[in-house]
Amino acid sequence: MGVAMVIELADRQTANTVQRVLESYQARLLASIGRTRRRLAGFEERYSVSTQHFLAEMTAEDLEGGDLEYVEWAGEAKLLAGLETELQELRNARFQLQ
């Protein structure tokens, strides 16, 4: 079930500005997702395992960089999940000018 939110703006120009801001934010999310995927790919190439395998099976002791590298890799994976969720939520939003 969806939630409706009504925002009253001064005029159509302001509404267009808000829409452009949302589109710009979506573009920044896409750029962040791309950067995060590249960082994850670096870890995956270095250790020849997928991020899913890393999260399920590996510990900091399995990594050359130890705790710091573990936290970085796990953090990038969590960041990616959050960014993708946020992008999907934004893409699912519907806007209607009246």
PDB file of N, CA and C in Angstrom:
ATOM      1  N   MET A   1       0.838  -1.177   0.000  1.00  0.00           N
ATOM      2  CA  MET A   1       0.000   0.000   0.000  1.00  0.00           C
ATOM      3  C   MET A   1       0.879   1.233   0.000  1.00  0.00           C
ATOM      4  N   GLY A   2       0.552   2.178  -0.834  1.00  0.00           N
ATOM      5  CA  GLY A   2       1.344   3.391  -0.947  1.00  0.00           C
ATOM      6  C   GLY A   2       0.914   4.458   0.041  1.00  0.00           C
ATOM      7  N   VAL A   3       1.746   5.412   0.204  1.00  0.00           N
ATOM      8  CA  VAL A   3       1.476   6.558   1.050  1.00  0.00           C
ATOM      9  C   VAL A   3       1.453   7.788   0.163  1.00  0.00           C
ATOM     10  N   ALA A   4       0.416   8.578   0.274  1.00  0.00           N
ATOM     11  CA  ALA A   4       0.322   9.811  -0.509  1.00  0.00           C
ATOM     12  C   ALA A   4       0.845  10.976   0.324  1.00  0.00           C
ATOM     13  N   MET A   5       1.606  11.845  -0.349  1.00  0.00           N
ATOM     14  CA  MET A   5       2.127  13.031   0.311  1.00  0.00           C
ATOM     15  C   MET A   5       1.816  14.216  -0.597  1.00  0.00           C
ATOM     16  N   VAL A   6       1.196  15.228  -0.035  1.00  0.00           N
ATOM     17  CA  VAL A   6       0.841  16.406  -0.808  1.00  0.00           C
ATOM     18  C   VAL A   6       1.716  17.570  -0.345  1.00  0.00           C
ATOM     19  N   ILE A   7       2.357  18.214  -1.315  1.00  0.00           N
ATOM     20  CA  ILE A   7       3.178  19.385  -1.026  1.00  0.00           C
ATOM     21  C   ILE A   7       2.633  20.523  -1.862  1.00  0.00           C
ATOM     22  N   GLU A   8       2.268  21.597  -1.225  1.00  0.00           N
ATOM     23  CA  GLU A   8       1.744  22.748  -1.951  1.00  0.00           C
ATOM     24  C   GLU A   8       2.885  23.741  -2.177  1.00  0.00           C
ATOM     25  N   LEU A   9       3.086  24.088  -3.451  1.00  0.00           N
ATOM     26  CA  LEU A   9       4.164  25.005  -3.822  1.00  0.00           C
ATOM     27  C   LEU A   9       3.572  26.287  -4.391  1.00  0.00           C
ATOM     28  N   ALA A  10       4.390  27.304  -4.439  1.00  0.00           N
ATOM     29  CA  ALA A  10       3.912  28.627  -4.844  1.00  0.00           C
ATOM     30  C   ALA A  10       3.432  28.666  -6.293  1.00  0.00           C
ATOM     31  N   ASP A  11       4.147  27.979  -7.181  1.00  0.00           N
ATOM     32  CA  ASP A  11       3.780  28.044  -8.598  1.00  0.00           C
ATOM     33  C   ASP A  11       4.404  26.875  -9.349  1.00  0.00           C
ATOM     34  N   ARG A  12       4.109  26.792 -10.637  1.00  0.00           N
ATOM     35  CA  ARG A  12       4.597  25.696 -11.469  1.00  0.00           C
ATOM     36  C   ARG A  12       6.126  25.737 -11.587  1.00  0.00           C
ATOM     37  N   GLN A  13       6.700  26.911 -11.632  1.00  0.00           N
ATOM     38  CA  GLN A  13       8.159  27.027 -11.737  1.00  0.00           C
ATOM     39  C   GLN A  13       8.836  26.386 -10.523  1.00  0.00           C
ATOM     40  N   THR A  14       8.297  26.621  -9.355  1.00  0.00           N
ATOM     41  CA  THR A  14       8.843  26.016  -8.147  1.00  0.00           C
ATOM     42  C   THR A  14       8.693  24.496  -8.198  1.00  0.00           C
ATOM     43  N   ALA A  15       7.558  24.027  -8.695  1.00  0.00           N
ATOM     44  CA  ALA A  15       7.342  22.587  -8.843  1.00  0.00           C
ATOM     45  C   ALA A  15       8.361  21.986  -9.809  1.00  0.00           C
ATOM     46  N   ASN A  16       8.643  22.682 -10.890  1.00  0.00           N
ATOM     47  CA  ASN A  16       9.645  22.208 -11.846  1.00  0.00           C
ATOM     48  C   ASN A  16      11.030  22.169 -11.216  1.00  0.00           C
ATOM     49  N   THR A  17      11.326  23.143 -10.383  1.00  0.00           N
ATOM     50  CA  THR A  17      12.609  23.169  -9.681  1.00  0.00           C
ATOM     51  C   THR A  17      12.738  21.962  -8.761  1.00  0.00           C
ATOM     52  N   VAL A  18      11.689  21.655  -8.018  1.00  0.00           N
ATOM     53  CA  VAL A  18      11.704  20.503  -7.119  1.00  0.00           C
ATOM     54  C   VAL A  18      11.908  19.227  -7.928  1.00  0.00           C
ATOM     55  N   GLN A  19      11.234  19.112  -9.054  1.00  0.00           N
ATOM     56  CA  GLN A  19      11.383  17.930  -9.887  1.00  0.00           C
ATOM     57  C   GLN A  19      12.816  17.798 -10.414  1.00  0.00           C
ATOM     58  N   ARG A  20      13.424  18.917 -10.835  1.00  0.00           N
ATOM     59  CA  ARG A  20      14.818  18.884 -11.303  1.00  0.00           C
ATOM     60  C   ARG A  20      15.769  18.473 -10.181  1.00  0.00           C
ATOM     61  N   VAL A  21      15.505  18.946  -8.980  1.00  0.00           N
ATOM     62  CA  VAL A  21      16.338  18.581  -7.835  1.00  0.00           C
ATOM     63  C   VAL A  21      16.263  17.067  -7.589  1.00  0.00           C
ATOM     64  N   LEU A  22      15.067  16.511  -7.665  1.00  0.00           N
ATOM     65  CA  LEU A  22      14.908  15.070  -7.480  1.00  0.00           C
ATOM     66  C   LEU A  22      15.619  14.291  -8.583  1.00  0.00           C
ATOM     67  N   GLU A  23      15.551  14.774  -9.803  1.00  0.00           N
ATOM     68  CA  GLU A  23      16.256  14.124 -10.912  1.00  0.00           C
ATOM     69  C   GLU A  23      17.767  14.209 -10.717  1.00  0.00           C
ATOM     70  N   SER A  24      18.238  15.342 -10.230  1.00  0.00           N
ATOM     71  CA  SER A  24      19.664  15.511  -9.967  1.00  0.00           C
ATOM     72  C   SER A  24      20.119  14.578  -8.850  1.00  0.00           C
ATOM     73  N   TYR A  25      19.305  14.440  -7.839  1.00  0.00           N
ATOM     74  CA  TYR A  25      19.634  13.540  -6.736  1.00  0.00           C
ATOM     75  C   TYR A  25      19.698  12.099  -7.237  1.00  0.00           C
ATOM     76  N   GLN A  26      18.778  11.733  -8.103  1.00  0.00           N
ATOM     77  CA  GLN A  26      18.792  10.398  -8.684  1.00  0.00           C
ATOM     78  C   GLN A  26      20.087  10.173  -9.465  1.00  0.00           C
ATOM     79  N   ALA A  27      20.530  11.165 -10.206  1.00  0.00           N
ATOM     80  CA  ALA A  27      21.784  11.043 -10.958  1.00  0.00           C
ATOM     81  C   ALA A  27      22.968  10.871 -10.007  1.00  0.00           C
ATOM     82  N   ARG A  28      22.963  11.583  -8.888  1.00  0.00           N
ATOM     83  CA  ARG A  28      24.046  11.434  -7.908  1.00  0.00           C
ATOM     84  C   ARG A  28      24.021  10.047  -7.264  1.00  0.00           C
ATOM     85  N   LEU A  29      22.821   9.530  -7.013  1.00  0.00           N
ATOM     86  CA  LEU A  29      22.716   8.172  -6.488  1.00  0.00           C
ATOM     87  C   LEU A  29      23.320   7.169  -7.472  1.00  0.00           C
ATOM     88  N   LEU A  30      22.998   7.319  -8.752  1.00  0.00           N
ATOM     89  CA  LEU A  30      23.542   6.424  -9.778  1.00  0.00           C
ATOM     90  C   LEU A  30      25.067   6.497  -9.826  1.00  0.00           C
ATOM     91  N   ALA A  31      25.604   7.698  -9.727  1.00  0.00           N
ATOM     92  CA  ALA A  31      27.058   7.866  -9.728  1.00  0.00           C
ATOM     93  C   ALA A  31      27.676   7.201  -8.497  1.00  0.00           C
ATOM     94  N   SER A  32      27.049   7.347  -7.349  1.00  0.00           N
ATOM     95  CA  SER A  32      27.548   6.730  -6.122  1.00  0.00           C
ATOM     96  C   SER A  32      27.482   5.212  -6.206  1.00  0.00           C
ATOM     97  N   ILE A  33      26.423   4.689  -6.797  1.00  0.00           N
ATOM     98  CA  ILE A  33      26.301   3.251  -6.984  1.00  0.00           C
ATOM     99  C   ILE A  33      27.426   2.742  -7.878  1.00  0.00           C
ATOM    100  N   GLY A  34      27.717   3.466  -8.944  1.00  0.00           N
ATOM    101  CA  GLY A  34      28.802   3.079  -9.839  1.00  0.00           C
ATOM    102  C   GLY A  34      30.146   3.058  -9.133  1.00  0.00           C
ATOM    103  N   ARG A  35      30.435   4.094  -8.342  1.00  0.00           N
ATOM    104  CA  ARG A  35      31.699   4.147  -7.593  1.00  0.00           C
ATOM    105  C   ARG A  35      31.791   3.004  -6.592  1.00  0.00           C
ATOM    106  N   THR A  36      30.701   2.740  -5.902  1.00  0.00           N
ATOM    107  CA  THR A  36      30.699   1.692  -4.895  1.00  0.00           C
ATOM    108  C   THR A  36      30.876   0.322  -5.538  1.00  0.00           C
ATOM    109  N   ARG A  37      30.232   0.092  -6.672  1.00  0.00           N
ATOM    110  CA  ARG A  37      30.406  -1.182  -7.378  1.00  0.00           C
ATOM    111  C   ARG A  37      31.852  -1.363  -7.831  1.00  0.00           C
ATOM    112  N   ARG A  38      32.488  -0.283  -8.273  1.00  0.00           N
ATOM    113  CA  ARG A  38      33.894  -0.377  -8.680  1.00  0.00           C
ATOM    114  C   ARG A  38      34.782  -0.725  -7.487  1.00  0.00           C
ATOM    115  N   ARG A  39      34.504  -0.138  -6.341  1.00  0.00           N
ATOM    116  CA  ARG A  39      35.292  -0.454  -5.143  1.00  0.00           C
ATOM    117  C   ARG A  39      35.105  -1.926  -4.751  1.00  0.00           C
ATOM    118  N   LEU A  40      33.852  -2.392  -4.806  1.00  0.00           N
ATOM    119  CA  LEU A  40      33.594  -3.794  -4.493  1.00  0.00           C
ATOM    120  C   LEU A  40      34.302  -4.714  -5.483  1.00  0.00           C
ATOM    121  N   ALA A  41      34.285  -4.336  -6.753  1.00  0.00           N
ATOM    122  CA  ALA A  41      34.958  -5.146  -7.776  1.00  0.00           C
ATOM    123  C   ALA A  41      36.456  -5.249  -7.483  1.00  0.00           C
ATOM    124  N   GLY A  42      37.044  -4.202  -6.965  1.00  0.00           N
ATOM    125  CA  GLY A  42      38.458  -4.237  -6.598  1.00  0.00           C
ATOM    126  C   GLY A  42      38.740  -5.276  -5.525  1.00  0.00           C
ATOM    127  N   PHE A  43      37.898  -5.308  -4.495  1.00  0.00           N
ATOM    128  CA  PHE A  43      38.055  -6.330  -3.456  1.00  0.00           C
ATOM    129  C   PHE A  43      37.843  -7.726  -4.037  1.00  0.00           C
ATOM    130  N   GLU A  44      36.807  -7.873  -4.856  1.00  0.00           N
ATOM    131  CA  GLU A  44      36.487  -9.178  -5.432  1.00  0.00           C
ATOM    132  C   GLU A  44      37.619  -9.692  -6.318  1.00  0.00           C
ATOM    133  N   GLU A  45      38.215  -8.807  -7.089  1.00  0.00           N
ATOM    134  CA  GLU A  45      39.341  -9.206  -7.939  1.00  0.00           C
ATOM    135  C   GLU A  45      40.559  -9.568  -7.092  1.00  0.00           C
ATOM    136  N   ARG A  46      40.805  -8.785  -6.072  1.00  0.00           N
ATOM    137  CA  ARG A  46      41.980  -9.018  -5.227  1.00  0.00           C
ATOM    138  C   ARG A  46      41.917 -10.375  -4.546  1.00  0.00           C
ATOM    139  N   TYR A  47      40.735 -10.764  -4.089  1.00  0.00           N
ATOM    140  CA  TYR A  47      40.592 -12.011  -3.337  1.00  0.00           C
ATOM    141  C   TYR A  47      39.898 -13.130  -4.122  1.00  0.00           C
ATOM    142  N   SER A  48      39.512 -12.857  -5.345  1.00  0.00           N
ATOM    143  CA  SER A  48      38.879 -13.858  -6.222  1.00  0.00           C
ATOM    144  C   SER A  48      37.641 -14.493  -5.599  1.00  0.00           C
ATOM    145  N   VAL A  49      36.861 -13.678  -4.908  1.00  0.00           N
ATOM    146  CA  VAL A  49      35.580 -14.137  -4.352  1.00  0.00           C
ATOM    147  C   VAL A  49      34.547 -13.035  -4.522  1.00  0.00           C
ATOM    148  N   SER A  50      33.281 -13.421  -4.561  1.00  0.00           N
ATOM    149  CA  SER A  50      32.207 -12.431  -4.651  1.00  0.00           C
ATOM    150  C   SER A  50      32.013 -11.762  -3.291  1.00  0.00           C
ATOM    151  N   THR A  51      31.399 -10.628  -3.314  1.00  0.00           N
ATOM    152  CA  THR A  51      31.086  -9.943  -2.063  1.00  0.00           C
ATOM    153  C   THR A  51      30.134 -10.785  -1.223  1.00  0.00           C
ATOM    154  N   GLN A  52      29.208 -11.485  -1.852  1.00  0.00           N
ATOM    155  CA  GLN A  52      28.283 -12.344  -1.111  1.00  0.00           C
ATOM    156  C   GLN A  52      29.057 -13.445  -0.363  1.00  0.00           C
ATOM    157  N   HIS A  53      30.038 -14.048  -1.046  1.00  0.00           N
ATOM    158  CA  HIS A  53      30.863 -15.067  -0.396  1.00  0.00           C
ATOM    159  C   HIS A  53      31.654 -14.441   0.757  1.00  0.00           C
ATOM    160  N   PHE A  54      32.234 -13.306   0.504  1.00  0.00           N
ATOM    161  CA  PHE A  54      32.994 -12.602   1.543  1.00  0.00           C
ATOM    162  C   PHE A  54      32.136 -12.388   2.784  1.00  0.00           C
ATOM    163  N   LEU A  55      30.930 -11.847   2.608  1.00  0.00           N
ATOM    164  CA  LEU A  55      30.070 -11.533   3.749  1.00  0.00           C
ATOM    165  C   LEU A  55      29.628 -12.790   4.502  1.00  0.00           C
ATOM    166  N   ALA A  56      29.396 -13.866   3.768  1.00  0.00           N
ATOM    167  CA  ALA A  56      28.883 -15.089   4.390  1.00  0.00           C
ATOM    168  C   ALA A  56      29.976 -15.972   5.009  1.00  0.00           C
ATOM    169  N   GLU A  57      31.173 -15.940   4.421  1.00  0.00           N
ATOM    170  CA  GLU A  57      32.160 -16.954   4.784  1.00  0.00           C
ATOM    171  C   GLU A  57      33.477 -16.442   5.353  1.00  0.00           C
ATOM    172  N   MET A  58      33.814 -15.186   5.107  1.00  0.00           N
ATOM    173  CA  MET A  58      35.164 -14.743   5.447  1.00  0.00           C
ATOM    174  C   MET A  58      35.189 -13.905   6.727  1.00  0.00           C
ATOM    175  N   THR A  59      36.372 -13.845   7.322  1.00  0.00           N
ATOM    176  CA  THR A  59      36.610 -13.019   8.505  1.00  0.00           C
ATOM    177  C   THR A  59      37.782 -12.087   8.224  1.00  0.00           C
ATOM    178  N   ALA A  60      38.032 -11.185   9.135  1.00  0.00           N
ATOM    179  CA  ALA A  60      39.138 -10.239   8.965  1.00  0.00           C
ATOM    180  C   ALA A  60      40.476 -10.968   8.838  1.00  0.00           C
ATOM    181  N   GLU A  61      40.593 -12.101   9.467  1.00  0.00           N
ATOM    182  CA  GLU A  61      41.843 -12.859   9.424  1.00  0.00           C
ATOM    183  C   GLU A  61      42.110 -13.418   8.024  1.00  0.00           C
ATOM    184  N   ASP A  62      41.082 -13.517   7.197  1.00  0.00           N
ATOM    185  CA  ASP A  62      41.246 -14.015   5.833  1.00  0.00           C
ATOM    186  C   ASP A  62      41.791 -12.957   4.876  1.00  0.00           C
ATOM    187  N   LEU A  63      41.844 -11.721   5.312  1.00  0.00           N
ATOM    188  CA  LEU A  63      42.247 -10.621   4.446  1.00  0.00           C
ATOM    189  C   LEU A  63      43.633 -10.123   4.808  1.00  0.00           C
ATOM    190  N   GLU A  64      44.400  -9.770   3.795  1.00  0.00           N
ATOM    191  CA  GLU A  64      45.751  -9.236   4.032  1.00  0.00           C
ATOM    192  C   GLU A  64      45.704  -7.961   4.861  1.00  0.00           C
ATOM    193  N   GLY A  65      44.683  -7.156   4.623  1.00  0.00           N
ATOM    194  CA  GLY A  65      44.558  -5.878   5.332  1.00  0.00           C
ATOM    195  C   GLY A  65      43.885  -5.983   6.690  1.00  0.00           C
ATOM    196  N   GLY A  66      43.511  -7.190   7.101  1.00  0.00           N
ATOM    197  CA  GLY A  66      42.936  -7.410   8.427  1.00  0.00           C
ATOM    198  C   GLY A  66      41.627  -6.687   8.659  1.00  0.00           C
ATOM    199  N   ASP A  67      41.494  -6.213   9.899  1.00  0.00           N
ATOM    200  CA  ASP A  67      40.238  -5.582  10.329  1.00  0.00           C
ATOM    201  C   ASP A  67      39.854  -4.386   9.466  1.00  0.00           C
ATOM    202  N   LEU A  68      40.808  -3.538   9.157  1.00  0.00           N
ATOM    203  CA  LEU A  68      40.498  -2.333   8.385  1.00  0.00           C
ATOM    204  C   LEU A  68      39.927  -2.689   7.024  1.00  0.00           C
ATOM    205  N   GLU A  69      40.546  -3.622   6.344  1.00  0.00           N
ATOM    206  CA  GLU A  69      40.070  -4.011   5.021  1.00  0.00           C
ATOM    207  C   GLU A  69      38.702  -4.700   5.117  1.00  0.00           C
ATOM    208  N   TYR A  70      38.507  -5.492   6.157  1.00  0.00           N
ATOM    209  CA  TYR A  70      37.222  -6.147   6.358  1.00  0.00           C
ATOM    210  C   TYR A  70      36.122  -5.111   6.527  1.00  0.00           C
ATOM    211  N   VAL A  71      36.380  -4.133   7.371  1.00  0.00           N
ATOM    212  CA  VAL A  71      35.390  -3.086   7.621  1.00  0.00           C
ATOM    213  C   VAL A  71      35.124  -2.285   6.344  1.00  0.00           C
ATOM    214  N   GLU A  72      36.157  -2.001   5.581  1.00  0.00           N
ATOM    215  CA  GLU A  72      35.977  -1.258   4.328  1.00  0.00           C
ATOM    216  C   GLU A  72      35.115  -2.047   3.344  1.00  0.00           C
ATOM    217  N   TRP A  73      35.415  -3.320   3.155  1.00  0.00           N
ATOM    218  CA  TRP A  73      34.676  -4.144   2.195  1.00  0.00           C
ATOM    219  C   TRP A  73      33.219  -4.314   2.654  1.00  0.00           C
ATOM    220  N   ALA A  74      33.029  -4.660   3.906  1.00  0.00           N
ATOM    221  CA  ALA A  74      31.672  -4.832   4.428  1.00  0.00           C
ATOM    222  C   ALA A  74      30.910  -3.509   4.380  1.00  0.00           C
ATOM    223  N   GLY A  75      31.604  -2.424   4.670  1.00  0.00           N
ATOM    224  CA  GLY A  75      30.973  -1.105   4.622  1.00  0.00           C
ATOM    225  C   GLY A  75      30.530  -0.728   3.221  1.00  0.00           C
ATOM    226  N   GLU A  76      31.361  -1.021   2.238  1.00  0.00           N
ATOM    227  CA  GLU A  76      30.992  -0.745   0.841  1.00  0.00           C
ATOM    228  C   GLU A  76      29.772  -1.569   0.437  1.00  0.00           C
ATOM    229  N   ALA A  77      29.721  -2.823   0.874  1.00  0.00           N
ATOM    230  CA  ALA A  77      28.580  -3.673   0.556  1.00  0.00           C
ATOM    231  C   ALA A  77      27.302  -3.125   1.177  1.00  0.00           C
ATOM    232  N   LYS A  78      27.390  -2.688   2.420  1.00  0.00           N
ATOM    233  CA  LYS A  78      26.216  -2.116   3.099  1.00  0.00           C
ATOM    234  C   LYS A  78      25.820  -0.795   2.441  1.00  0.00           C
ATOM    235  N   LEU A  79      26.793   0.002   2.085  1.00  0.00           N
ATOM    236  CA  LEU A  79      26.516   1.266   1.406  1.00  0.00           C
ATOM    237  C   LEU A  79      25.786   1.020   0.088  1.00  0.00           C
ATOM    238  N   LEU A  80      26.265   0.056  -0.692  1.00  0.00           N
ATOM    239  CA  LEU A  80      25.629  -0.255  -1.969  1.00  0.00           C
ATOM    240  C   LEU A  80      24.173  -0.653  -1.768  1.00  0.00           C
ATOM    241  N   ALA A  81      23.913  -1.502  -0.792  1.00  0.00           N
ATOM    242  CA  ALA A  81      22.538  -1.935  -0.534  1.00  0.00           C
ATOM    243  C   ALA A  81      21.651  -0.737  -0.200  1.00  0.00           C
ATOM    244  N   GLY A  82      22.152   0.164   0.611  1.00  0.00           N
ATOM    245  CA  GLY A  82      21.382   1.351   0.978  1.00  0.00           C
ATOM    246  C   GLY A  82      21.136   2.274  -0.202  1.00  0.00           C
ATOM    247  N   LEU A  83      22.167   2.491  -1.014  1.00  0.00           N
ATOM    248  CA  LEU A  83      22.029   3.352  -2.187  1.00  0.00           C
ATOM    249  C   LEU A  83      21.023   2.776  -3.183  1.00  0.00           C
ATOM    250  N   GLU A  84      21.106   1.465  -3.407  1.00  0.00           N
ATOM    251  CA  GLU A  84      20.187   0.832  -4.346  1.00  0.00           C
ATOM    252  C   GLU A  84      18.746   0.882  -3.845  1.00  0.00           C
ATOM    253  N   THR A  85      18.552   0.712  -2.550  1.00  0.00           N
ATOM    254  CA  THR A  85      17.210   0.816  -1.965  1.00  0.00           C
ATOM    255  C   THR A  85      16.664   2.224  -2.134  1.00  0.00           C
ATOM    256  N   GLU A  86      17.493   3.208  -1.836  1.00  0.00           N
ATOM    257  CA  GLU A  86      17.066   4.600  -1.956  1.00  0.00           C
ATOM    258  C   GLU A  86      16.718   4.958  -3.397  1.00  0.00           C
ATOM    259  N   LEU A  87      17.535   4.493  -4.340  1.00  0.00           N
ATOM    260  CA  LEU A  87      17.259   4.757  -5.750  1.00  0.00           C
ATOM    261  C   LEU A  87      15.943   4.113  -6.167  1.00  0.00           C
ATOM    262  N   GLN A  88      15.720   2.884  -5.744  1.00  0.00           N
ATOM    263  CA  GLN A  88      14.484   2.190  -6.104  1.00  0.00           C
ATOM    264  C   GLN A  88      13.273   2.919  -5.519  1.00  0.00           C
ATOM    265  N   GLU A  89      13.387   3.379  -4.302  1.00  0.00           N
ATOM    266  CA  GLU A  89      12.286   4.132  -3.684  1.00  0.00           C
ATOM    267  C   GLU A  89      12.003   5.411  -4.454  1.00  0.00           C
ATOM    268  N   LEU A  90      13.050   6.086  -4.862  1.00  0.00           N
ATOM    269  CA  LEU A  90      12.870   7.315  -5.627  1.00  0.00           C
ATOM    270  C   LEU A  90      12.250   7.022  -6.986  1.00  0.00           C
ATOM    271  N   ARG A  91      12.687   5.945  -7.622  1.00  0.00           N
ATOM    272  CA  ARG A  91      12.124   5.579  -8.921  1.00  0.00           C
ATOM    273  C   ARG A  91      10.669   5.157  -8.824  1.00  0.00           C
ATOM    274  N   ASN A  92      10.275   4.620  -7.678  1.00  0.00           N
ATOM    275  CA  ASN A  92       8.894   4.193  -7.497  1.00  0.00           C
ATOM    276  C   ASN A  92       7.964   5.340  -7.127  1.00  0.00           C
ATOM    277  N   ALA A  93       8.514   6.488  -6.777  1.00  0.00           N
ATOM    278  CA  ALA A  93       7.685   7.644  -6.414  1.00  0.00           C
ATOM    279  C   ALA A  93       6.982   8.185  -7.656  1.00  0.00           C
ATOM    280  N   ARG A  94       5.775   8.611  -7.492  1.00  0.00           N
ATOM    281  CA  ARG A  94       4.985   9.163  -8.598  1.00  0.00           C
ATOM    282  C   ARG A  94       4.672  10.617  -8.289  1.00  0.00           C
ATOM    283  N   PHE A  95       4.877  11.466  -9.278  1.00  0.00           N
ATOM    284  CA  PHE A  95       4.649  12.899  -9.106  1.00  0.00           C
ATOM    285  C   PHE A  95       3.537  13.338 -10.057  1.00  0.00           C
ATOM    286  N   GLN A  96       2.688  14.193  -9.565  1.00  0.00           N
ATOM    287  CA  GLN A  96       1.578  14.677 -10.393  1.00  0.00           C
ATOM    288  C   GLN A  96       1.399  16.171 -10.144  1.00  0.00           C
ATOM    289  N   LEU A  97       1.546  16.939 -11.201  1.00  0.00           N
ATOM    290  CA  LEU A  97       1.306  18.379 -11.096  1.00  0.00           C
ATOM    291  C   LEU A  97      -0.164  18.659 -11.359  1.00  0.00           C
ATOM    292  N   GLN A  98      -0.735  19.518 -10.552  1.00  0.00           N
ATOM    293  CA  GLN A  98      -2.154  19.884 -10.736  1.00  0.00           C
ATOM    294  C   GLN A  98      -2.288  21.371 -10.897  1.00  0.00           C
TER     295      GLN A  98
END
